[in-house]
Amino acid sequence: MFAEDEARVLLEAAESPAQLALMVRRRAEGRPLEHVAGWAEFCGLRIGVDAGVFVPRRRSEFLVSSAAALVGEGALVVDLCCGSGALGAAVVAAVGRPVELHAADVDAAAVRCARRNLAGVAAGVYEGDLFRALPDALRGRVEVLIANVPYVPSADIELLPAEARVHEARPALDGGADGLEVLRRVARSAPEWLAPGGALLFETSERQAPTALAVAGEAGLSPVLGWCEDLDATVVTATRA
């Protein structure tokens, strides 16, 4: 984003000259613009983002469009590792018809944020570790499972820009030794929660894609790789038989 665009965002967000001065100072200190302004633009939506909460990336718009293409009217959709709730909100908006959405995250700050962003949209937003957070009544009924799991290898966290490394919660970034530890946990349990023909969709890196496909296959799912050149985004869609 250009400096003029950032200035426009801050001017729009500030309610007084004093608040604007404070926001400019915080931005100059290196805090993410989205945390300073209190919102991020994602898929044409304004998503509230509190300090410390993972900022939705534009590349994840490919995950949204991939999931939305599979959502029929009244479908049961789960946004796991939901963060601010951006992906779930964007999928519902993209589908444009009734959807039963549930969302969950392990981070309390993210859950508070998601509850605001998904008010009137989600049937429930839950706090807890992956599937343990979800109501048992959803087991075996989920038609589309979006899991934007962290996939940065632990050793690479220190290589991230300071905006992410310092100001976003580490559990939202750290995918373990090879970046795929959280994905393995999700994939192992996904078949229990997916309806027949239901699909797990997750983002990964191009380098990790072969291993991510194998992880999904070993869990008994049928994975297909998708790539968006414009967003440089890689998404795996793994379907239960």
Protein backbone atom coordinates (compact mmCIF):
# COMPACT_ATOMS: atom_id res chain seq x y z
CA MET A 1 0.00 0.00 0.00
CA PHE A 2 1.32 3.45 -0.92
CA ALA A 3 1.87 6.15 1.69
CA GLU A 4 -1.03 8.18 0.28
CA ASP A 5 -3.34 5.17 0.70
CA GLU A 6 -2.19 4.63 4.27
CA ALA A 7 -2.77 8.31 5.03
CA ARG A 8 -6.29 8.05 3.62
CA VAL A 9 -7.04 5.04 5.84
CA LEU A 10 -5.77 6.80 8.96
CA LEU A 11 -7.66 9.99 8.18
CA GLU A 12 -10.84 8.00 7.72
CA ALA A 13 -10.33 6.02 10.94
CA ALA A 14 -9.36 8.94 13.21
CA GLU A 15 -12.17 10.71 15.05
CA SER A 16 -10.08 13.69 16.15
CA PRO A 17 -6.73 15.37 15.39
CA ALA A 18 -5.36 13.98 18.67
CA GLN A 19 -6.37 10.45 17.73
CA LEU A 20 -4.88 10.89 14.26
CA ALA A 21 -1.57 11.99 15.79
CA LEU A 22 -1.58 8.93 18.04
CA MET A 23 -2.35 6.62 15.12
CA VAL A 24 0.42 8.12 13.00
CA ARG A 25 2.86 7.62 15.87
CA ARG A 26 1.82 4.01 16.32
CA ARG A 27 2.19 3.35 12.60
CA ALA A 28 5.64 4.97 12.64
CA GLU A 29 6.58 2.60 15.47
CA GLY A 30 5.96 -0.29 13.07
CA ARG A 31 2.54 -1.50 14.11
CA PRO A 32 0.45 -2.97 11.27
CA LEU A 33 -1.77 -0.39 9.60
CA GLU A 34 -4.76 -2.67 10.16
CA HIS A 35 -4.15 -2.78 13.91
CA VAL A 36 -3.72 0.98 14.02
CA ALA A 37 -6.88 1.66 12.03
CA GLY A 38 -8.81 -1.19 13.65
CA TRP A 39 -9.88 -2.84 10.42
CA ALA A 40 -8.63 -4.59 7.28
CA GLU A 41 -10.13 -4.64 3.81
CA PHE A 42 -10.67 -8.22 2.67
CA CYS A 43 -12.73 -9.43 -0.28
CA GLY A 44 -14.42 -6.04 -0.38
CA LEU A 45 -15.45 -6.26 3.27
CA ARG A 46 -14.25 -4.17 6.19
CA ILE A 47 -13.10 -6.65 8.84
CA GLY A 48 -12.43 -5.45 12.36
CA VAL A 49 -8.92 -6.43 13.51
CA ASP A 50 -7.84 -5.86 17.11
CA ALA A 51 -4.24 -5.51 18.27
CA GLY A 52 -2.45 -8.85 18.27
CA VAL A 53 -4.97 -10.55 15.98
CA PHE A 54 -3.80 -12.06 12.68
CA VAL A 55 -4.38 -9.67 9.79
CA PRO A 56 -6.13 -11.38 6.84
CA ARG A 57 -3.85 -11.53 3.79
CA ARG A 58 -5.03 -10.75 0.29
CA ARG A 59 -3.72 -14.11 -0.97
CA SER A 60 -6.36 -15.80 1.19
CA GLU A 61 -9.01 -14.41 -1.13
CA PHE A 62 -8.22 -17.46 -3.30
CA LEU A 63 -9.11 -19.72 -0.38
CA VAL A 64 -12.40 -17.83 -0.07
CA SER A 65 -13.30 -18.17 -3.75
CA SER A 66 -12.31 -21.85 -3.76
CA ALA A 67 -14.54 -22.54 -0.75
CA ALA A 68 -17.45 -20.40 -1.97
CA ALA A 69 -17.58 -22.42 -5.21
CA LEU A 70 -18.45 -25.51 -3.13
CA VAL A 71 -21.08 -23.94 -0.87
CA GLY A 72 -24.67 -24.68 -1.73
CA GLU A 73 -27.72 -23.04 -0.20
CA GLY A 74 -28.09 -23.95 3.47
CA ALA A 75 -24.70 -25.67 3.55
CA LEU A 76 -22.98 -26.23 6.88
CA VAL A 77 -19.65 -24.40 6.76
CA VAL A 78 -16.94 -24.31 9.43
CA ASP A 79 -14.15 -21.72 9.57
CA LEU A 80 -11.47 -23.37 11.73
CA CYS A 81 -8.51 -21.26 12.92
CA CYS A 82 -10.84 -18.41 12.07
CA GLY A 83 -8.80 -15.52 13.46
CA SER A 84 -10.84 -12.37 12.93
CA GLY A 85 -13.54 -14.35 11.11
CA ALA A 86 -12.58 -12.76 7.79
CA LEU A 87 -12.73 -15.93 5.70
CA GLY A 88 -16.08 -17.06 7.03
CA ALA A 89 -17.59 -13.62 6.54
CA ALA A 90 -16.21 -13.40 3.02
CA VAL A 91 -17.49 -16.85 2.04
CA VAL A 92 -21.00 -16.03 3.24
CA ALA A 93 -20.92 -12.72 1.38
CA ALA A 94 -19.62 -14.38 -1.79
CA VAL A 95 -22.25 -17.12 -1.73
CA GLY A 96 -25.08 -14.64 -1.23
CA ARG A 97 -27.58 -17.19 0.05
CA PRO A 98 -28.35 -18.80 3.43
CA VAL A 99 -25.42 -20.68 4.96
CA GLU A 100 -24.99 -22.23 8.41
CA LEU A 101 -21.60 -20.92 9.48
CA HIS A 102 -19.65 -21.93 12.58
CA ALA A 103 -16.19 -20.56 13.46
CA ALA A 104 -13.53 -21.36 16.05
CA ASP A 105 -10.09 -20.26 17.16
CA VAL A 106 -7.78 -21.04 20.08
CA ASP A 107 -6.92 -17.37 20.67
CA ALA A 108 -9.33 -15.47 22.94
CA ALA A 109 -8.56 -12.09 21.33
CA ALA A 110 -9.27 -13.50 17.88
CA VAL A 111 -12.55 -15.04 19.08
CA ARG A 112 -13.72 -11.72 20.50
CA CYS A 113 -12.91 -10.10 17.19
CA ALA A 114 -14.64 -12.83 15.16
CA ARG A 115 -17.77 -12.61 17.27
CA ARG A 116 -18.10 -8.95 16.33
CA ASN A 117 -17.33 -9.51 12.66
CA LEU A 118 -19.68 -12.49 12.39
CA ALA A 119 -22.55 -11.09 14.47
CA GLY A 120 -25.76 -12.00 12.67
CA VAL A 121 -23.80 -14.18 10.22
CA ALA A 122 -22.46 -17.15 12.20
CA ALA A 123 -24.52 -19.68 14.11
CA GLY A 124 -21.69 -19.78 16.65
CA VAL A 125 -18.13 -18.63 17.27
CA TYR A 126 -16.23 -20.81 19.71
CA GLU A 127 -12.96 -20.63 21.62
CA GLY A 128 -10.84 -23.75 21.83
CA ASP A 129 -8.23 -26.01 20.24
CA LEU A 130 -9.30 -26.96 16.71
CA PHE A 131 -12.21 -29.44 16.63
CA ARG A 132 -12.46 -29.55 20.42
CA ALA A 133 -14.06 -26.11 20.23
CA LEU A 134 -16.92 -27.24 18.01
CA PRO A 135 -20.30 -28.60 19.15
CA ASP A 136 -20.36 -32.37 18.83
CA ALA A 137 -23.63 -32.05 16.88
CA LEU A 138 -21.59 -30.87 13.86
CA ARG A 139 -19.63 -34.12 13.66
CA GLY A 140 -20.13 -35.83 10.29
CA ARG A 141 -22.24 -32.96 8.91
CA VAL A 142 -19.73 -30.32 7.74
CA GLU A 143 -19.94 -29.77 3.99
CA VAL A 144 -17.16 -27.18 3.66
CA LEU A 145 -14.37 -26.97 6.22
CA ILE A 146 -12.07 -23.96 5.82
CA ALA A 147 -8.92 -24.28 7.90
CA ASN A 148 -6.46 -21.44 7.40
CA VAL A 149 -3.92 -23.17 9.60
CA PRO A 150 -0.55 -21.57 10.42
CA TYR A 151 2.07 -22.92 8.04
CA VAL A 152 5.27 -20.98 8.70
CA PRO A 153 8.03 -23.31 9.96
CA SER A 154 9.07 -22.38 13.50
CA ALA A 155 12.64 -21.58 12.46
CA ASP A 156 11.37 -19.15 9.82
CA ILE A 157 9.28 -17.00 12.17
CA GLU A 158 12.26 -14.73 12.82
CA LEU A 159 12.53 -14.10 9.07
CA LEU A 160 9.03 -12.63 8.85
CA PRO A 161 8.49 -8.86 8.64
CA ALA A 162 8.33 -7.23 12.07
CA GLU A 163 4.68 -6.33 11.52
CA ALA A 164 3.84 -10.03 11.68
CA ARG A 165 6.65 -11.31 13.91
CA VAL A 166 6.17 -8.73 16.66
CA HIS A 167 2.54 -7.72 16.43
CA GLU A 168 0.57 -10.85 15.53
CA ALA A 169 -0.01 -13.78 17.88
CA ARG A 170 2.64 -16.45 17.31
CA PRO A 171 0.13 -19.36 17.31
CA ALA A 172 -1.47 -17.80 14.22
CA LEU A 173 1.86 -18.02 12.36
CA ASP A 174 3.83 -20.97 13.74
CA GLY A 175 3.17 -24.26 11.96
CA GLY A 176 5.80 -26.25 13.84
CA ALA A 177 9.07 -27.76 12.64
CA ASP A 178 8.12 -28.10 8.97
CA GLY A 179 5.14 -25.75 9.04
CA LEU A 180 2.62 -28.56 8.69
CA GLU A 181 2.11 -29.80 12.26
CA VAL A 182 -1.24 -28.06 12.74
CA LEU A 183 -2.37 -29.23 9.30
CA ARG A 184 -1.62 -32.84 10.27
CA ARG A 185 -3.85 -32.52 13.33
CA VAL A 186 -6.66 -31.01 11.28
CA ALA A 187 -6.38 -33.56 8.48
CA ARG A 188 -6.39 -36.54 10.87
CA SER A 189 -9.69 -35.46 12.42
CA ALA A 190 -11.35 -33.92 9.38
CA PRO A 191 -12.96 -37.15 8.07
CA GLU A 192 -14.89 -37.50 11.34
CA TRP A 193 -16.39 -34.04 10.93
CA LEU A 194 -16.95 -33.87 7.19
CA ALA A 195 -20.18 -35.04 5.62
CA PRO A 196 -19.86 -37.58 2.79
CA GLY A 197 -18.59 -35.58 -0.17
CA GLY A 198 -17.58 -32.71 2.12
CA ALA A 199 -14.28 -30.93 1.61
CA LEU A 200 -11.45 -29.55 3.71
CA LEU A 201 -9.77 -26.50 2.17
CA PHE A 202 -6.52 -25.01 3.39
CA GLU A 203 -3.80 -22.67 2.22
CA THR A 204 -0.17 -23.73 1.98
CA SER A 205 3.03 -22.61 0.30
CA GLU A 206 4.15 -23.80 -3.10
CA ARG A 207 7.21 -25.40 -1.49
CA GLN A 208 5.11 -27.28 1.07
CA ALA A 209 2.39 -28.33 -1.39
CA PRO A 210 3.68 -31.87 -2.18
CA THR A 211 3.91 -32.75 1.51
CA ALA A 212 0.57 -31.07 2.27
CA LEU A 213 -1.09 -33.17 -0.45
CA ALA A 214 0.43 -36.30 1.07
CA VAL A 215 -0.81 -35.33 4.54
CA ALA A 216 -4.37 -35.00 3.25
CA GLY A 217 -4.13 -38.26 1.33
CA GLU A 218 -2.81 -40.15 4.35
CA ALA A 219 -5.86 -38.93 6.30
CA GLY A 220 -8.11 -40.69 3.78
CA LEU A 221 -9.09 -37.58 1.83
CA SER A 222 -8.77 -37.01 -1.92
CA PRO A 223 -6.69 -33.83 -2.36
CA VAL A 224 -6.48 -31.53 -5.38
CA LEU A 225 -4.06 -28.64 -5.69
CA GLY A 226 -5.16 -25.20 -6.86
CA TRP A 227 -2.98 -22.19 -7.62
CA CYS A 228 -3.84 -18.56 -8.32
CA GLU A 229 -1.15 -16.75 -10.28
CA ASP A 230 -2.53 -13.27 -9.58
CA LEU A 231 -2.43 -13.76 -5.80
CA ASP A 232 0.49 -16.22 -5.78
CA ALA A 233 -1.71 -18.41 -3.59
CA THR A 234 -1.81 -22.19 -3.22
CA VAL A 235 -4.90 -23.97 -1.91
CA VAL A 236 -5.57 -27.67 -1.36
CA THR A 237 -9.13 -28.98 -1.59
CA ALA A 238 -9.32 -32.40 0.08
CA THR A 239 -12.63 -34.25 -0.27
CA ARG A 240 -14.10 -37.04 1.82
CA ALA A 241 -15.47 -39.95 -0.21
